[in-house]
């Protein structure tokens, strides 16, 4: 039987070469000059060096990501981009937006064309595994719906027999539609008209080429406002799927993913703690240890992310908390006046919940 001294010596001999190989086979293949410190070349470092966050968005969905005639972007998805830029670069306007359709968004992310997606993208097991994406916290819990004309007689999916539905290709929407039509027994009786981009799909629906337009309910509500006569269109009383939407990064870059993840959680936590754009100074003077840690007045939570310790104070001061973002884009302060429902805090019966900042 080996004695403890001999066993420890043998273990050390086995571990030593493994450690050396790990350094040599690191992603960068080099160290920064200090023993055992490997250069990671994370997307976080690239964004800091560039001084600009490149964020992939849709650009055509009012309330989520929409660019007006002046080239100004707005929406919940846009504000998430702004929040990340504020946390990393100290400037919410240091964002370059890239409009991506549903078929090119993942290629743009995996190819490094964009640093992250904040583009009404549904979290699914296939995208999380085979496609190789990392999903940050859900920023909007949605479901798939169907937009139809108010003067029509379409109340159920069975009513679409002999009619056409417009849908954007390369989306979970297209797959869900097929499943639901099959379940309703009309799969072979409905013409599914697919489009590579959303704009042509909604244009075709507006022209009457399709009796229905299907997508996430949030998108349908936003897009309805851009139709010639919005009141002539209504959402059917049907929910075809679960659609958790949120920001996305690429796999195998935990440093960058952690930043996007915790900034997103921070928007939710700030609302729960009652921290708003208008009371930052007051909250920074608080004696509450939870608030002081969150705002970086004490502790070093930012250091673990490679950010300033007051990163969330910068975010909230410039962008607001989740509730403020929701209200101005979709809620009471917007044209939609959309009730928060399941997108409210867990303390008010919603699904939004942040892990502790400690």
Protein backbone atom coordinates (compact mmCIF):
# COMPACT_ATOMS: atom_id res chain seq x y z
CA UNK A 1 0.00 0.00 0.00
CA UNK A 2 1.31 3.47 -0.93
CA UNK A 3 2.10 5.85 1.88
CA UNK A 4 0.60 9.39 1.74
CA UNK A 5 3.93 10.95 0.80
CA UNK A 6 4.46 8.58 -2.11
CA UNK A 7 0.88 8.98 -3.27
CA UNK A 8 1.10 12.77 -3.30
CA UNK A 9 4.36 12.66 -5.25
CA UNK A 10 2.85 10.35 -7.85
CA UNK A 11 -0.22 12.58 -8.19
CA UNK A 12 1.94 15.68 -8.68
CA UNK A 13 3.87 13.97 -11.48
CA UNK A 14 0.62 13.13 -13.25
CA UNK A 15 -0.93 16.58 -12.86
CA UNK A 16 2.12 18.62 -13.94
CA UNK A 17 2.14 17.71 -17.63
CA UNK A 18 -1.64 18.06 -17.84
CA UNK A 19 -1.42 21.62 -16.52
CA UNK A 20 1.29 22.48 -19.05
CA UNK A 21 -0.79 21.10 -21.92
CA UNK A 22 -3.81 23.11 -20.81
CA UNK A 23 -1.83 26.34 -21.14
CA UNK A 24 -0.41 25.39 -24.53
CA UNK A 25 -3.82 24.43 -25.89
CA UNK A 26 -5.64 27.56 -24.70
CA UNK A 27 -7.81 29.42 -27.23
CA UNK A 28 -5.13 32.04 -27.80
CA UNK A 29 -2.25 29.61 -27.56
CA UNK A 30 -0.28 32.11 -25.49
CA UNK A 31 0.04 33.69 -22.06
CA UNK A 32 0.28 37.32 -21.06
CA UNK A 33 3.75 36.85 -19.60
CA UNK A 34 2.70 35.91 -16.09
CA UNK A 35 2.99 32.28 -15.06
CA UNK A 36 -0.27 30.39 -15.47
CA UNK A 37 -2.26 33.39 -16.83
CA UNK A 38 -3.81 32.60 -20.18
CA UNK A 39 -4.99 35.28 -22.60
CA UNK A 40 -8.66 34.60 -23.22
CA UNK A 41 -9.44 37.07 -26.02
CA UNK A 42 -13.06 37.19 -24.89
CA UNK A 43 -15.62 39.18 -26.83
CA UNK A 44 -15.68 41.42 -23.75
CA UNK A 45 -12.08 42.43 -24.45
CA UNK A 46 -12.87 43.03 -28.10
CA UNK A 47 -15.82 45.29 -27.29
CA UNK A 48 -13.74 47.29 -24.83
CA UNK A 49 -10.90 47.68 -27.32
CA UNK A 50 -13.28 48.65 -30.14
CA UNK A 51 -15.18 51.10 -27.95
CA UNK A 52 -18.47 50.12 -29.56
CA UNK A 53 -21.00 47.34 -29.02
CA UNK A 54 -22.30 45.77 -32.24
CA UNK A 55 -25.82 44.58 -31.51
CA UNK A 56 -27.99 42.53 -33.87
CA UNK A 57 -31.64 43.64 -33.88
CA UNK A 58 -34.72 43.36 -36.08
CA UNK A 59 -35.24 47.06 -36.67
CA UNK A 60 -38.84 46.73 -37.83
CA UNK A 61 -40.90 45.87 -34.74
CA UNK A 62 -42.32 48.90 -32.90
CA UNK A 63 -41.93 48.52 -29.15
CA UNK A 64 -39.05 46.04 -29.48
CA UNK A 65 -36.57 47.28 -32.06
CA UNK A 66 -37.66 49.90 -34.54
CA UNK A 67 -35.70 52.46 -36.54
CA UNK A 68 -37.54 55.62 -37.57
CA UNK A 69 -37.01 57.83 -40.61
CA UNK A 70 -34.29 59.74 -38.74
CA UNK A 71 -32.33 56.55 -38.14
CA UNK A 72 -33.10 56.51 -34.41
CA UNK A 73 -33.62 53.13 -32.75
CA UNK A 74 -36.07 52.41 -29.93
CA UNK A 75 -37.69 49.46 -28.17
CA UNK A 76 -37.10 46.95 -25.37
CA UNK A 77 -34.52 45.01 -27.39
CA UNK A 78 -32.70 48.25 -28.23
CA UNK A 79 -32.65 49.30 -24.58
CA UNK A 80 -31.04 45.97 -23.63
CA UNK A 81 -28.25 46.77 -26.12
CA UNK A 82 -27.94 50.23 -24.58
CA UNK A 83 -27.79 48.75 -21.08
CA UNK A 84 -24.91 46.41 -22.02
CA UNK A 85 -23.04 49.28 -23.68
CA UNK A 86 -23.52 51.44 -20.58
CA UNK A 87 -22.19 48.68 -18.32
CA UNK A 88 -19.16 47.83 -20.46
CA UNK A 89 -18.27 51.17 -22.03
CA UNK A 90 -19.97 53.70 -19.76
CA UNK A 91 -21.97 55.05 -22.71
CA UNK A 92 -25.43 53.76 -23.70
CA UNK A 93 -25.06 55.36 -27.12
CA UNK A 94 -21.87 53.45 -27.98
CA UNK A 95 -23.90 50.93 -29.98
CA UNK A 96 -23.81 50.05 -33.65
CA UNK A 97 -27.07 48.37 -34.62
CA UNK A 98 -27.26 45.72 -37.34
CA UNK A 99 -30.68 44.87 -38.75
CA UNK A 100 -30.81 41.10 -39.24
CA UNK A 101 -33.61 38.96 -40.63
CA UNK A 102 -34.51 35.61 -39.10
CA UNK A 103 -32.42 33.57 -41.56
CA UNK A 104 -29.16 35.50 -41.11
CA UNK A 105 -29.15 36.35 -37.40
CA UNK A 106 -27.43 33.18 -36.13
CA UNK A 107 -24.80 33.21 -38.89
CA UNK A 108 -24.02 36.84 -38.08
CA UNK A 109 -23.57 35.97 -34.40
CA UNK A 110 -21.49 32.83 -34.89
CA UNK A 111 -19.35 34.56 -37.51
CA UNK A 112 -18.53 37.48 -35.22
CA UNK A 113 -20.37 40.08 -37.29
CA UNK A 114 -22.28 41.09 -34.15
CA UNK A 115 -21.35 40.82 -30.47
CA UNK A 116 -24.83 39.80 -29.34
CA UNK A 117 -28.40 39.48 -30.52
CA UNK A 118 -31.24 41.40 -28.93
CA UNK A 119 -33.77 40.48 -31.55
CA UNK A 120 -37.00 38.73 -30.46
CA UNK A 121 -35.24 35.36 -30.49
CA UNK A 122 -36.95 32.37 -28.87
CA UNK A 123 -35.00 30.19 -26.45
CA UNK A 124 -35.24 26.54 -27.55
CA UNK A 125 -33.25 23.41 -26.76
CA UNK A 126 -32.03 23.07 -30.36
CA UNK A 127 -30.71 26.62 -30.48
CA UNK A 128 -29.11 26.21 -27.07
CA UNK A 129 -27.32 23.01 -28.11
CA UNK A 130 -26.95 22.24 -31.81
CA UNK A 131 -26.90 25.85 -33.01
CA UNK A 132 -24.44 26.74 -30.25
CA UNK A 133 -26.05 29.77 -28.63
CA UNK A 134 -26.15 31.05 -25.05
CA UNK A 135 -29.45 32.56 -23.94
CA UNK A 136 -29.37 35.34 -21.37
CA UNK A 137 -32.41 35.87 -19.10
CA UNK A 138 -35.77 36.21 -20.81
CA UNK A 139 -36.79 39.84 -21.25
CA UNK A 140 -40.26 39.13 -22.66
CA UNK A 141 -42.46 36.08 -22.17
CA UNK A 142 -44.61 35.73 -25.25
CA UNK A 143 -46.73 33.30 -27.23
CA UNK A 144 -47.45 32.81 -30.91
CA UNK A 145 -50.67 34.30 -32.24
CA UNK A 146 -52.55 34.97 -35.46
CA UNK A 147 -53.47 38.36 -36.91
CA UNK A 148 -56.66 38.42 -39.00
CA UNK A 149 -59.08 40.96 -40.41
CA UNK A 150 -61.69 42.18 -37.96
CA UNK A 151 -64.53 41.81 -40.47
CA UNK A 152 -63.69 38.19 -41.28
CA UNK A 153 -65.10 34.99 -39.90
CA UNK A 154 -61.86 33.40 -38.75
CA UNK A 155 -62.04 32.41 -35.10
CA UNK A 156 -60.17 29.08 -34.99
CA UNK A 157 -57.37 27.42 -36.91
CA UNK A 158 -59.92 25.02 -38.43
CA UNK A 159 -61.50 28.07 -40.12
CA UNK A 160 -58.34 28.48 -42.22
CA UNK A 161 -59.14 25.44 -44.36
CA UNK A 162 -58.87 26.60 -47.96
CA UNK A 163 -57.12 29.83 -46.96
CA UNK A 164 -53.53 31.12 -46.70
CA UNK A 165 -51.29 32.15 -43.79
CA UNK A 166 -48.18 34.33 -44.14
CA UNK A 167 -45.15 33.48 -41.99
CA UNK A 168 -41.47 34.36 -41.79
CA UNK A 169 -39.14 31.51 -42.78
CA UNK A 170 -36.42 30.10 -40.55
CA UNK A 171 -38.34 30.76 -37.34
CA UNK A 172 -39.94 28.72 -34.60
CA UNK A 173 -43.14 30.41 -35.77
CA UNK A 174 -43.08 28.46 -39.01
CA UNK A 175 -42.54 25.16 -37.19
CA UNK A 176 -45.22 25.90 -34.59
CA UNK A 177 -47.72 26.79 -37.29
CA UNK A 178 -47.18 23.43 -38.99
CA UNK A 179 -47.62 21.59 -35.68
CA UNK A 180 -50.81 23.45 -34.80
CA UNK A 181 -52.38 23.04 -38.24
CA UNK A 182 -51.58 19.33 -38.06
CA UNK A 183 -53.17 19.08 -34.62
CA UNK A 184 -56.24 20.91 -35.93
CA UNK A 185 -56.48 18.45 -38.84
CA UNK A 186 -56.14 21.08 -41.58
CA UNK A 187 -52.42 20.87 -42.37
CA UNK A 188 -53.04 19.84 -46.01
CA UNK A 189 -55.85 22.37 -46.49
CA UNK A 190 -53.99 25.56 -45.57
CA UNK A 191 -51.52 27.33 -47.85
CA UNK A 192 -48.48 28.41 -45.84
CA UNK A 193 -46.75 31.30 -47.62
CA UNK A 194 -43.20 31.85 -46.35
CA UNK A 195 -41.01 34.93 -46.65
CA UNK A 196 -37.31 35.40 -45.91
CA UNK A 197 -37.99 38.75 -44.25
CA UNK A 198 -40.80 40.15 -42.15
CA UNK A 199 -41.53 43.27 -44.22
CA UNK A 200 -42.62 41.38 -47.37
CA UNK A 201 -44.69 39.01 -45.21
CA UNK A 202 -46.69 41.84 -43.62
CA UNK A 203 -46.98 43.59 -46.98
CA UNK A 204 -48.46 40.41 -48.49
CA UNK A 205 -50.91 40.14 -45.61
CA UNK A 206 -51.91 43.80 -45.98
CA UNK A 207 -52.50 43.25 -49.71
CA UNK A 208 -54.82 40.33 -48.99
CA UNK A 209 -52.58 37.56 -50.29
CA UNK A 210 -53.00 35.83 -46.92
CA UNK A 211 -56.03 35.71 -44.66
CA UNK A 212 -53.79 35.42 -41.59
CA UNK A 213 -50.36 36.55 -40.44
CA UNK A 214 -48.72 34.55 -37.66
CA UNK A 215 -45.84 35.48 -35.37
CA UNK A 216 -45.20 36.25 -31.70
CA UNK A 217 -48.15 38.17 -30.31
CA UNK A 218 -45.86 41.04 -29.30
CA UNK A 219 -44.63 41.37 -32.89
CA UNK A 220 -48.15 41.21 -34.27
CA UNK A 221 -49.27 43.99 -31.92
CA UNK A 222 -46.31 46.15 -32.89
CA UNK A 223 -46.62 45.47 -36.61
CA UNK A 224 -50.37 46.05 -36.61
CA UNK A 225 -49.66 49.69 -35.77
CA UNK A 226 -47.78 50.06 -39.07
CA UNK A 227 -50.63 48.73 -41.25
CA UNK A 228 -52.73 51.25 -43.24
CA UNK A 229 -55.79 50.78 -40.98
CA UNK A 230 -54.66 49.13 -37.73
CA UNK A 231 -58.17 48.90 -36.27
CA UNK A 232 -59.23 46.70 -39.18
CA UNK A 233 -57.06 43.88 -37.78
CA UNK A 234 -57.36 41.84 -34.58
CA UNK A 235 -55.57 38.97 -32.87
CA UNK A 236 -57.42 35.68 -32.79
CA UNK A 237 -58.04 34.16 -29.39
CA UNK A 238 -55.37 31.49 -29.86
CA UNK A 239 -51.92 30.86 -28.41
CA UNK A 240 -49.88 28.37 -30.41
CA UNK A 241 -46.67 28.20 -28.39
CA UNK A 242 -44.45 29.44 -25.59
CA UNK A 243 -42.02 32.10 -26.78
CA UNK A 244 -39.43 33.21 -24.19
CA UNK A 245 -37.53 36.05 -25.87
CA UNK A 246 -34.23 37.54 -24.78
CA UNK A 247 -30.64 38.47 -25.65
CA UNK A 248 -28.26 35.87 -27.06
CA UNK A 249 -24.49 35.39 -27.22
CA UNK A 250 -22.28 32.72 -28.74
CA UNK A 251 -21.20 29.57 -26.90
CA UNK A 252 -17.82 29.07 -25.19
CA UNK A 253 -17.26 32.65 -24.07
CA UNK A 254 -18.40 32.65 -20.46
CA UNK A 255 -16.85 36.05 -19.68
CA UNK A 256 -18.97 37.82 -22.29
CA UNK A 257 -22.07 35.74 -21.57
CA UNK A 258 -21.80 36.54 -17.85
CA UNK A 259 -21.76 40.27 -18.61
CA UNK A 260 -24.85 40.15 -20.83
CA UNK A 261 -26.59 37.81 -18.40
CA UNK A 262 -26.00 39.85 -15.25
CA UNK A 263 -26.72 43.21 -16.87
CA UNK A 264 -30.08 41.78 -17.96
CA UNK A 265 -30.74 40.42 -14.48
CA UNK A 266 -29.68 43.79 -13.12
CA UNK A 267 -32.51 45.55 -14.95
CA UNK A 268 -34.97 43.25 -13.18
CA UNK A 269 -33.24 43.52 -9.79
CA UNK A 270 -33.17 47.31 -9.98
CA UNK A 271 -36.94 47.42 -10.37
CA UNK A 272 -37.43 45.04 -7.46
CA UNK A 273 -35.18 47.20 -5.27
CA UNK A 274 -37.04 50.38 -6.30
CA UNK A 275 -33.98 51.90 -7.99
CA UNK A 276 -34.95 54.21 -10.88
CA UNK A 277 -33.35 56.78 -13.12
CA UNK A 278 -34.75 59.58 -11.02
CA UNK A 279 -33.56 58.37 -7.61
CA UNK A 280 -30.04 57.06 -8.23
CA UNK A 281 -28.35 59.71 -6.05
CA UNK A 282 -30.75 59.04 -3.20
CA UNK A 283 -30.29 55.27 -3.47
CA UNK A 284 -26.49 55.56 -3.57
CA UNK A 285 -26.71 57.20 -0.13
CA UNK A 286 -28.84 54.35 1.21
CA UNK A 287 -27.68 52.39 4.24
CA UNK A 288 -29.31 49.19 2.91
CA UNK A 289 -26.40 46.77 2.29
CA UNK A 290 -28.22 45.07 -0.60
CA UNK A 291 -28.69 48.36 -2.42
CA UNK A 292 -25.15 49.51 -1.66
CA UNK A 293 -23.67 46.31 -3.11
CA UNK A 294 -25.91 46.49 -6.16
CA UNK A 295 -24.88 50.07 -6.94
CA UNK A 296 -21.19 49.45 -6.22
CA UNK A 297 -21.02 51.67 -3.16
CA UNK A 298 -19.41 48.77 -1.33
CA UNK A 299 -18.13 45.35 -2.30
CA UNK A 300 -16.57 44.37 -5.61
CA UNK A 301 -19.29 42.65 -7.66
CA UNK A 302 -18.21 44.35 -10.88
CA UNK A 303 -14.65 43.09 -10.68
CA UNK A 304 -15.76 39.51 -11.16
CA UNK A 305 -17.33 40.54 -14.47
CA UNK A 306 -14.42 42.66 -15.64
CA UNK A 307 -16.50 45.81 -15.13
CA UNK A 308 -16.52 48.79 -12.79
CA UNK A 309 -18.15 47.98 -9.47
CA UNK A 310 -20.83 50.63 -10.09
CA UNK A 311 -21.77 49.19 -13.49
CA UNK A 312 -25.45 48.83 -12.61
CA UNK A 313 -25.62 52.38 -11.27
CA UNK A 314 -24.39 53.53 -14.70
CA UNK A 315 -26.94 51.31 -16.44
CA UNK A 316 -29.96 52.45 -14.42
CA UNK A 317 -28.97 56.11 -14.55
CA UNK A 318 -28.77 56.01 -18.35
CA UNK A 319 -31.35 53.40 -19.36
CA UNK A 320 -33.62 52.80 -16.35
CA UNK A 321 -34.82 49.60 -14.72
CA UNK A 322 -36.88 46.93 -16.47
CA UNK A 323 -40.20 48.50 -15.48
CA UNK A 324 -39.18 51.88 -16.88
CA UNK A 325 -37.99 50.25 -20.10
CA UNK A 326 -41.26 48.32 -20.43
CA UNK A 327 -43.51 51.30 -19.72
CA UNK A 328 -41.93 53.60 -22.28
CA UNK A 329 -41.81 51.00 -25.05
CA UNK A 330 -44.89 48.81 -24.52
CA UNK A 331 -46.70 49.90 -21.38
CA UNK A 332 -48.55 52.89 -20.01
CA UNK A 333 -46.20 55.47 -21.55
CA UNK A 334 -46.36 53.96 -25.04
CA UNK A 335 -48.93 53.86 -27.82
CA UNK A 336 -49.64 50.20 -27.02
CA UNK A 337 -50.52 50.47 -23.31
CA UNK A 338 -49.87 46.73 -23.03
CA UNK A 339 -50.51 45.19 -19.62
CA UNK A 340 -47.40 43.54 -18.19
CA UNK A 341 -49.10 40.29 -17.18
CA UNK A 342 -46.50 37.54 -17.01
CA UNK A 343 -43.77 40.10 -17.74
CA UNK A 344 -44.18 41.61 -14.30
CA UNK A 345 -41.98 40.93 -11.27
CA UNK A 346 -42.41 37.68 -9.39
CA UNK A 347 -43.48 39.70 -6.35
CA UNK A 348 -46.52 40.87 -8.34
CA UNK A 349 -47.46 37.54 -9.87
CA UNK A 350 -45.22 37.73 -12.94
CA UNK A 351 -42.31 35.58 -14.10
CA UNK A 352 -39.42 38.05 -13.79
CA UNK A 353 -36.97 36.98 -11.09
CA UNK A 354 -33.30 37.79 -10.59
CA UNK A 355 -30.77 35.77 -8.59
CA UNK A 356 -29.15 37.68 -5.71
CA UNK A 357 -26.48 40.31 -6.37
CA UNK A 358 -24.03 39.36 -3.63
